Amino acid sequence: MMMLQEKTAESILGHLSDLKNNRDEVLAPYEEFPLGEKTYYFTPGGFLYRKKPGSEEVGGFLCGHLTDEVWHYRTDDS
């Protein structure tokens, strides 16, 4: 059974996976970025998380991931 992702996470992953039209965006592990009232970040390997509201700690809700190809293109991770 396929888990449903939230629309914002789907949009983030789709946008970043489009290497043809969005070539210049760079990601860094654990760098947080707010969208609306939620905060997201990627862990090493391209896993997208949404932080728990009010939390300062790493953790939260797994929202999806980027392919290895996209993650390596978007980071200095070799």
PDB file of N, CA and C in Angstrom:
ATOM      1  N   MET A   1       0.834  -1.175   0.000  1.00  0.00           N
ATOM      2  CA  MET A   1       0.000   0.000   0.000  1.00  0.00           C
ATOM      3  C   MET A   1       0.886   1.248   0.000  1.00  0.00           C
ATOM      4  N   MET A   2       0.626   2.161  -0.895  1.00  0.00           N
ATOM      5  CA  MET A   2       1.426   3.366  -1.032  1.00  0.00           C
ATOM      6  C   MET A   2       0.977   4.413  -0.014  1.00  0.00           C
ATOM      7  N   MET A   3       1.942   4.980   0.700  1.00  0.00           N
ATOM      8  CA  MET A   3       1.619   6.015   1.672  1.00  0.00           C
ATOM      9  C   MET A   3       1.409   7.334   0.947  1.00  0.00           C
ATOM     10  N   LEU A   4       0.401   8.090   1.349  1.00  0.00           N
ATOM     11  CA  LEU A   4       0.154   9.391   0.757  1.00  0.00           C
ATOM     12  C   LEU A   4       1.051  10.430   1.405  1.00  0.00           C
ATOM     13  N   GLN A   5       1.697  11.227   0.586  1.00  0.00           N
ATOM     14  CA  GLN A   5       2.528  12.306   1.092  1.00  0.00           C
ATOM     15  C   GLN A   5       1.699  13.581   1.078  1.00  0.00           C
ATOM     16  N   GLU A   6       2.073  14.517   1.888  1.00  0.00           N
ATOM     17  CA  GLU A   6       1.396  15.799   1.848  1.00  0.00           C
ATOM     18  C   GLU A   6       1.767  16.523   0.555  1.00  0.00           C
ATOM     19  N   LYS A   7       0.883  17.374   0.094  1.00  0.00           N
ATOM     20  CA  LYS A   7       1.068  18.075  -1.183  1.00  0.00           C
ATOM     21  C   LYS A   7       2.335  18.917  -1.208  1.00  0.00           C
ATOM     22  N   THR A   8       2.672  19.595  -0.113  1.00  0.00           N
ATOM     23  CA  THR A   8       3.871  20.429  -0.083  1.00  0.00           C
ATOM     24  C   THR A   8       5.123  19.582  -0.285  1.00  0.00           C
ATOM     25  N   ALA A   9       5.202  18.458   0.384  1.00  0.00           N
ATOM     26  CA  ALA A   9       6.359  17.574   0.248  1.00  0.00           C
ATOM     27  C   ALA A   9       6.450  17.036  -1.176  1.00  0.00           C
ATOM     28  N   GLU A  10       5.331  16.655  -1.762  1.00  0.00           N
ATOM     29  CA  GLU A  10       5.329  16.186  -3.144  1.00  0.00           C
ATOM     30  C   GLU A  10       5.856  17.269  -4.078  1.00  0.00           C
ATOM     31  N   SER A  11       5.449  18.503  -3.827  1.00  0.00           N
ATOM     32  CA  SER A  11       5.889  19.627  -4.646  1.00  0.00           C
ATOM     33  C   SER A  11       7.391  19.854  -4.510  1.00  0.00           C
ATOM     34  N   ILE A  12       7.904  19.815  -3.285  1.00  0.00           N
ATOM     35  CA  ILE A  12       9.341  19.990  -3.039  1.00  0.00           C
ATOM     36  C   ILE A  12      10.131  18.916  -3.778  1.00  0.00           C
ATOM     37  N   LEU A  13       9.748  17.666  -3.593  1.00  0.00           N
ATOM     38  CA  LEU A  13      10.471  16.555  -4.212  1.00  0.00           C
ATOM     39  C   LEU A  13      10.386  16.618  -5.735  1.00  0.00           C
ATOM     40  N   GLY A  14       9.228  16.947  -6.260  1.00  0.00           N
ATOM     41  CA  GLY A  14       9.066  17.048  -7.713  1.00  0.00           C
ATOM     42  C   GLY A  14       9.916  18.169  -8.292  1.00  0.00           C
ATOM     43  N   HIS A  15       9.905  19.310  -7.632  1.00  0.00           N
ATOM     44  CA  HIS A  15      10.682  20.465  -8.087  1.00  0.00           C
ATOM     45  C   HIS A  15      12.175  20.148  -8.104  1.00  0.00           C
ATOM     46  N   LEU A  16      12.678  19.599  -7.022  1.00  0.00           N
ATOM     47  CA  LEU A  16      14.110  19.310  -6.929  1.00  0.00           C
ATOM     48  C   LEU A  16      14.543  18.153  -7.826  1.00  0.00           C
ATOM     49  N   SER A  17      13.627  17.244  -8.125  1.00  0.00           N
ATOM     50  CA  SER A  17      13.952  16.112  -8.997  1.00  0.00           C
ATOM     51  C   SER A  17      14.027  16.513 -10.463  1.00  0.00           C
ATOM     52  N   ASP A  18      13.508  17.681 -10.808  1.00  0.00           N
ATOM     53  CA  ASP A  18      13.519  18.170 -12.188  1.00  0.00           C
ATOM     54  C   ASP A  18      14.861  18.837 -12.478  1.00  0.00           C
ATOM     55  N   LEU A  19      15.852  18.031 -12.816  1.00  0.00           N
ATOM     56  CA  LEU A  19      17.199  18.544 -13.053  1.00  0.00           C
ATOM     57  C   LEU A  19      17.296  19.343 -14.347  1.00  0.00           C
ATOM     58  N   LYS A  20      16.392  19.116 -15.267  1.00  0.00           N
ATOM     59  CA  LYS A  20      16.419  19.825 -16.553  1.00  0.00           C
ATOM     60  C   LYS A  20      16.002  21.288 -16.377  1.00  0.00           C
ATOM     61  N   ASN A  21      14.941  21.544 -15.638  1.00  0.00           N
ATOM     62  CA  ASN A  21      14.405  22.900 -15.508  1.00  0.00           C
ATOM     63  C   ASN A  21      14.840  23.631 -14.245  1.00  0.00           C
ATOM     64  N   ASN A  22      15.364  22.928 -13.269  1.00  0.00           N
ATOM     65  CA  ASN A  22      15.772  23.539 -11.989  1.00  0.00           C
ATOM     66  C   ASN A  22      17.183  23.085 -11.639  1.00  0.00           C
ATOM     67  N   ARG A  23      18.134  23.490 -12.443  1.00  0.00           N
ATOM     68  CA  ARG A  23      19.495  22.973 -12.321  1.00  0.00           C
ATOM     69  C   ARG A  23      20.322  23.593 -11.196  1.00  0.00           C
ATOM     70  N   ASP A  24      20.034  24.809 -10.797  1.00  0.00           N
ATOM     71  CA  ASP A  24      20.962  25.555  -9.948  1.00  0.00           C
ATOM     72  C   ASP A  24      20.711  25.463  -8.449  1.00  0.00           C
ATOM     73  N   GLU A  25      19.747  24.711  -8.019  1.00  0.00           N
ATOM     74  CA  GLU A  25      19.442  24.647  -6.590  1.00  0.00           C
ATOM     75  C   GLU A  25      20.338  23.636  -5.889  1.00  0.00           C
ATOM     76  N   VAL A  26      20.925  24.069  -4.771  1.00  0.00           N
ATOM     77  CA  VAL A  26      21.863  23.243  -4.004  1.00  0.00           C
ATOM     78  C   VAL A  26      21.246  22.939  -2.643  1.00  0.00           C
ATOM     79  N   LEU A  27      21.442  21.722  -2.171  1.00  0.00           N
ATOM     80  CA  LEU A  27      20.927  21.298  -0.866  1.00  0.00           C
ATOM     81  C   LEU A  27      22.081  20.991   0.075  1.00  0.00           C
ATOM     82  N   ALA A  28      21.841  21.207   1.351  1.00  0.00           N
ATOM     83  CA  ALA A  28      22.803  20.841   2.389  1.00  0.00           C
ATOM     84  C   ALA A  28      22.047  20.033   3.445  1.00  0.00           C
ATOM     85  N   PRO A  29      22.622  18.924   3.890  1.00  0.00           N
ATOM     86  CA  PRO A  29      21.951  18.139   4.923  1.00  0.00           C
ATOM     87  C   PRO A  29      21.650  18.979   6.159  1.00  0.00           C
ATOM     88  N   TYR A  30      20.472  18.795   6.685  1.00  0.00           N
ATOM     89  CA  TYR A  30      19.985  19.426   7.915  1.00  0.00           C
ATOM     90  C   TYR A  30      19.744  20.937   7.809  1.00  0.00           C
ATOM     91  N   GLU A  31      19.916  21.523   6.629  1.00  0.00           N
ATOM     92  CA  GLU A  31      19.590  22.937   6.459  1.00  0.00           C
ATOM     93  C   GLU A  31      18.069  23.064   6.387  1.00  0.00           C
ATOM     94  N   GLU A  32      17.504  23.809   7.307  1.00  0.00           N
ATOM     95  CA  GLU A  32      16.056  23.929   7.400  1.00  0.00           C
ATOM     96  C   GLU A  32      15.536  25.002   6.458  1.00  0.00           C
ATOM     97  N   PHE A  33      14.334  24.763   5.923  1.00  0.00           N
ATOM     98  CA  PHE A  33      13.677  25.773   5.109  1.00  0.00           C
ATOM     99  C   PHE A  33      12.179  25.758   5.425  1.00  0.00           C
ATOM    100  N   PRO A  34      11.656  26.941   5.793  1.00  0.00           N
ATOM    101  CA  PRO A  34      10.232  27.032   6.115  1.00  0.00           C
ATOM    102  C   PRO A  34       9.398  27.203   4.845  1.00  0.00           C
ATOM    103  N   LEU A  35       8.268  26.552   4.816  1.00  0.00           N
ATOM    104  CA  LEU A  35       7.268  26.728   3.761  1.00  0.00           C
ATOM    105  C   LEU A  35       5.922  26.816   4.453  1.00  0.00           C
ATOM    106  N   GLY A  36       5.312  27.974   4.365  1.00  0.00           N
ATOM    107  CA  GLY A  36       4.081  28.179   5.106  1.00  0.00           C
ATOM    108  C   GLY A  36       4.383  28.130   6.586  1.00  0.00           C
ATOM    109  N   GLU A  37       3.611  27.360   7.315  1.00  0.00           N
ATOM    110  CA  GLU A  37       3.809  27.249   8.767  1.00  0.00           C
ATOM    111  C   GLU A  37       4.618  26.011   9.145  1.00  0.00           C
ATOM    112  N   LYS A  38       5.145  25.302   8.152  1.00  0.00           N
ATOM    113  CA  LYS A  38       5.901  24.078   8.415  1.00  0.00           C
ATOM    114  C   LYS A  38       7.361  24.280   8.044  1.00  0.00           C
ATOM    115  N   THR A  39       8.235  23.527   8.692  1.00  0.00           N
ATOM    116  CA  THR A  39       9.666  23.584   8.421  1.00  0.00           C
ATOM    117  C   THR A  39      10.130  22.212   7.954  1.00  0.00           C
ATOM    118  N   TYR A  40      10.934  22.208   6.895  1.00  0.00           N
ATOM    119  CA  TYR A  40      11.425  20.973   6.286  1.00  0.00           C
ATOM    120  C   TYR A  40      12.947  20.975   6.279  1.00  0.00           C
ATOM    121  N   TYR A  41      13.519  19.790   6.126  1.00  0.00           N
ATOM    122  CA  TYR A  41      14.959  19.660   5.935  1.00  0.00           C
ATOM    123  C   TYR A  41      15.238  18.293   5.316  1.00  0.00           C
ATOM    124  N   PHE A  42      16.414  18.166   4.704  1.00  0.00           N
ATOM    125  CA  PHE A  42      16.867  16.900   4.146  1.00  0.00           C
ATOM    126  C   PHE A  42      17.958  16.328   5.036  1.00  0.00           C
ATOM    127  N   THR A  43      17.958  15.018   5.191  1.00  0.00           N
ATOM    128  CA  THR A  43      19.059  14.343   5.870  1.00  0.00           C
ATOM    129  C   THR A  43      20.000  13.807   4.796  1.00  0.00           C
ATOM    130  N   PRO A  44      21.222  13.419   5.173  1.00  0.00           N
ATOM    131  CA  PRO A  44      22.127  12.844   4.187  1.00  0.00           C
ATOM    132  C   PRO A  44      21.441  11.684   3.462  1.00  0.00           C
ATOM    133  N   GLY A  45      21.644  11.643   2.173  1.00  0.00           N
ATOM    134  CA  GLY A  45      21.010  10.607   1.359  1.00  0.00           C
ATOM    135  C   GLY A  45      19.742  11.089   0.688  1.00  0.00           C
ATOM    136  N   GLY A  46      19.289  12.310   1.013  1.00  0.00           N
ATOM    137  CA  GLY A  46      18.151  12.888   0.321  1.00  0.00           C
ATOM    138  C   GLY A  46      16.788  12.610   0.909  1.00  0.00           C
ATOM    139  N   PHE A  47      16.725  12.283   2.204  1.00  0.00           N
ATOM    140  CA  PHE A  47      15.441  12.023   2.851  1.00  0.00           C
ATOM    141  C   PHE A  47      14.851  13.332   3.361  1.00  0.00           C
ATOM    142  N   LEU A  48      13.628  13.644   2.932  1.00  0.00           N
ATOM    143  CA  LEU A  48      12.945  14.874   3.312  1.00  0.00           C
ATOM    144  C   LEU A  48      12.108  14.647   4.562  1.00  0.00           C
ATOM    145  N   TYR A  49      12.319  15.507   5.553  1.00  0.00           N
ATOM    146  CA  TYR A  49      11.567  15.449   6.807  1.00  0.00           C
ATOM    147  C   TYR A  49      10.851  16.771   7.045  1.00  0.00           C
ATOM    148  N   ARG A  50       9.720  16.688   7.727  1.00  0.00           N
ATOM    149  CA  ARG A  50       9.017  17.858   8.226  1.00  0.00           C
ATOM    150  C   ARG A  50       9.185  17.840   9.731  1.00  0.00           C
ATOM    151  N   LYS A  51       9.672  18.958  10.289  1.00  0.00           N
ATOM    152  CA  LYS A  51       9.906  19.032  11.731  1.00  0.00           C
ATOM    153  C   LYS A  51       8.599  19.022  12.495  1.00  0.00           C
ATOM    154  N   LYS A  52       8.677  18.483  13.690  1.00  0.00           N
ATOM    155  CA  LYS A  52       7.541  18.561  14.607  1.00  0.00           C
ATOM    156  C   LYS A  52       7.408  20.011  15.044  1.00  0.00           C
ATOM    157  N   PRO A  53       6.198  20.541  15.090  1.00  0.00           N
ATOM    158  CA  PRO A  53       6.009  21.933  15.513  1.00  0.00           C
ATOM    159  C   PRO A  53       6.620  22.176  16.900  1.00  0.00           C
ATOM    160  N   GLY A  54       7.393  23.253  17.020  1.00  0.00           N
ATOM    161  CA  GLY A  54       7.990  23.622  18.289  1.00  0.00           C
ATOM    162  C   GLY A  54       9.239  22.858  18.656  1.00  0.00           C
ATOM    163  N   SER A  55       9.668  21.915  17.828  1.00  0.00           N
ATOM    164  CA  SER A  55      10.835  21.100  18.139  1.00  0.00           C
ATOM    165  C   SER A  55      12.108  21.751  17.606  1.00  0.00           C
ATOM    166  N   GLU A  56      13.141  21.729  18.396  1.00  0.00           N
ATOM    167  CA  GLU A  56      14.453  22.203  17.964  1.00  0.00           C
ATOM    168  C   GLU A  56      15.364  21.026  17.614  1.00  0.00           C
ATOM    169  N   GLU A  57      14.913  19.811  17.886  1.00  0.00           N
ATOM    170  CA  GLU A  57      15.723  18.622  17.665  1.00  0.00           C
ATOM    171  C   GLU A  57      15.505  18.058  16.269  1.00  0.00           C
ATOM    172  N   VAL A  58      16.511  17.317  15.802  1.00  0.00           N
ATOM    173  CA  VAL A  58      16.373  16.592  14.550  1.00  0.00           C
ATOM    174  C   VAL A  58      15.349  15.492  14.774  1.00  0.00           C
ATOM    175  N   GLY A  59      14.521  15.298  13.833  1.00  0.00           N
ATOM    176  CA  GLY A  59      13.450  14.315  13.934  1.00  0.00           C
ATOM    177  C   GLY A  59      12.223  14.891  13.274  1.00  0.00           C
ATOM    178  N   GLY A  60      11.172  14.191  13.312  1.00  0.00           N
ATOM    179  CA  GLY A  60       9.948  14.685  12.706  1.00  0.00           C
ATOM    180  C   GLY A  60       9.294  13.612  11.879  1.00  0.00           C
ATOM    181  N   PHE A  61       8.736  14.041  10.775  1.00  0.00           N
ATOM    182  CA  PHE A  61       7.945  13.149   9.940  1.00  0.00           C
ATOM    183  C   PHE A  61       8.623  12.952   8.587  1.00  0.00           C
ATOM    184  N   LEU A  62       8.926  11.718   8.245  1.00  0.00           N
ATOM    185  CA  LEU A  62       9.509  11.409   6.945  1.00  0.00           C
ATOM    186  C   LEU A  62       8.468  11.678   5.875  1.00  0.00           C
ATOM    187  N   CYS A  63       8.835  12.497   4.893  1.00  0.00           N
ATOM    188  CA  CYS A  63       7.898  12.881   3.835  1.00  0.00           C
ATOM    189  C   CYS A  63       8.224  12.251   2.492  1.00  0.00           C
ATOM    190  N   GLY A  64       9.420  11.716   2.336  1.00  0.00           N
ATOM    191  CA  GLY A  64       9.818  11.116   1.067  1.00  0.00           C
ATOM    192  C   GLY A  64      11.311  11.267   0.877  1.00  0.00           C
ATOM    193  N   HIS A  65      11.779  10.958  -0.318  1.00  0.00           N
ATOM    194  CA  HIS A  65      13.211  11.101  -0.570  1.00  0.00           C
ATOM    195  C   HIS A  65      13.485  11.360  -2.043  1.00  0.00           C
ATOM    196  N   LEU A  66      14.680  11.882  -2.281  1.00  0.00           N
ATOM    197  CA  LEU A  66      15.176  12.095  -3.635  1.00  0.00           C
ATOM    198  C   LEU A  66      15.957  10.859  -4.067  1.00  0.00           C
ATOM    199  N   THR A  67      16.049  10.645  -5.351  1.00  0.00           N
ATOM    200  CA  THR A  67      16.866   9.534  -5.835  1.00  0.00           C
ATOM    201  C   THR A  67      18.335   9.840  -5.551  1.00  0.00           C
ATOM    202  N   ASP A  68      19.167   8.813  -5.547  1.00  0.00           N
ATOM    203  CA  ASP A  68      20.605   9.010  -5.336  1.00  0.00           C
ATOM    204  C   ASP A  68      21.181   9.964  -6.374  1.00  0.00           C
ATOM    205  N   GLU A  69      20.752   9.820  -7.628  1.00  0.00           N
ATOM    206  CA  GLU A  69      21.246  10.684  -8.706  1.00  0.00           C
ATOM    207  C   GLU A  69      20.953  12.149  -8.409  1.00  0.00           C
ATOM    208  N   VAL A  70      19.730  12.462  -8.023  1.00  0.00           N
ATOM    209  CA  VAL A  70      19.349  13.847  -7.735  1.00  0.00           C
ATOM    210  C   VAL A  70      20.082  14.351  -6.503  1.00  0.00           C
ATOM    211  N   TRP A  71      20.147  13.546  -5.442  1.00  0.00           N
ATOM    212  CA  TRP A  71      20.823  13.974  -4.221  1.00  0.00           C
ATOM    213  C   TRP A  71      22.288  14.308  -4.496  1.00  0.00           C
ATOM    214  N   HIS A  72      22.979  13.455  -5.221  1.00  0.00           N
ATOM    215  CA  HIS A  72      24.399  13.702  -5.498  1.00  0.00           C
ATOM    216  C   HIS A  72      24.587  14.923  -6.393  1.00  0.00           C
ATOM    217  N   TYR A  73      23.652  15.162  -7.299  1.00  0.00           N
ATOM    218  CA  TYR A  73      23.728  16.352  -8.148  1.00  0.00           C
ATOM    219  C   TYR A  73      23.531  17.622  -7.318  1.00  0.00           C
ATOM    220  N   ARG A  74      22.652  17.589  -6.358  1.00  0.00           N
ATOM    221  CA  ARG A  74      22.260  18.782  -5.588  1.00  0.00           C
ATOM    222  C   ARG A  74      23.156  19.041  -4.370  1.00  0.00           C
ATOM    223  N   THR A  75      24.081  18.143  -4.060  1.00  0.00           N
ATOM    224  CA  THR A  75      24.955  18.320  -2.890  1.00  0.00           C
ATOM    225  C   THR A  75      26.401  18.116  -3.292  1.00  0.00           C
ATOM    226  N   ASP A  76      27.287  18.407  -2.361  1.00  0.00           N
ATOM    227  CA  ASP A  76      28.704  18.114  -2.550  1.00  0.00           C
ATOM    228  C   ASP A  76      29.010  16.698  -2.063  1.00  0.00           C
ATOM    229  N   ASP A  77      27.961  15.976  -1.670  1.00  0.00           N
ATOM    230  CA  ASP A  77      28.083  14.607  -1.152  1.00  0.00           C
ATOM    231  C   ASP A  77      28.541  13.691  -2.280  1.00  0.00           C
ATOM    232  N   SER A  78      29.721  13.089  -2.139  1.00  0.00           N
ATOM    233  CA  SER A  78      30.187  12.211  -3.209  1.00  0.00           C
ATOM    234  C   SER A  78      30.133  10.763  -2.853  1.00  0.00           C
TER     235      SER A  78
END
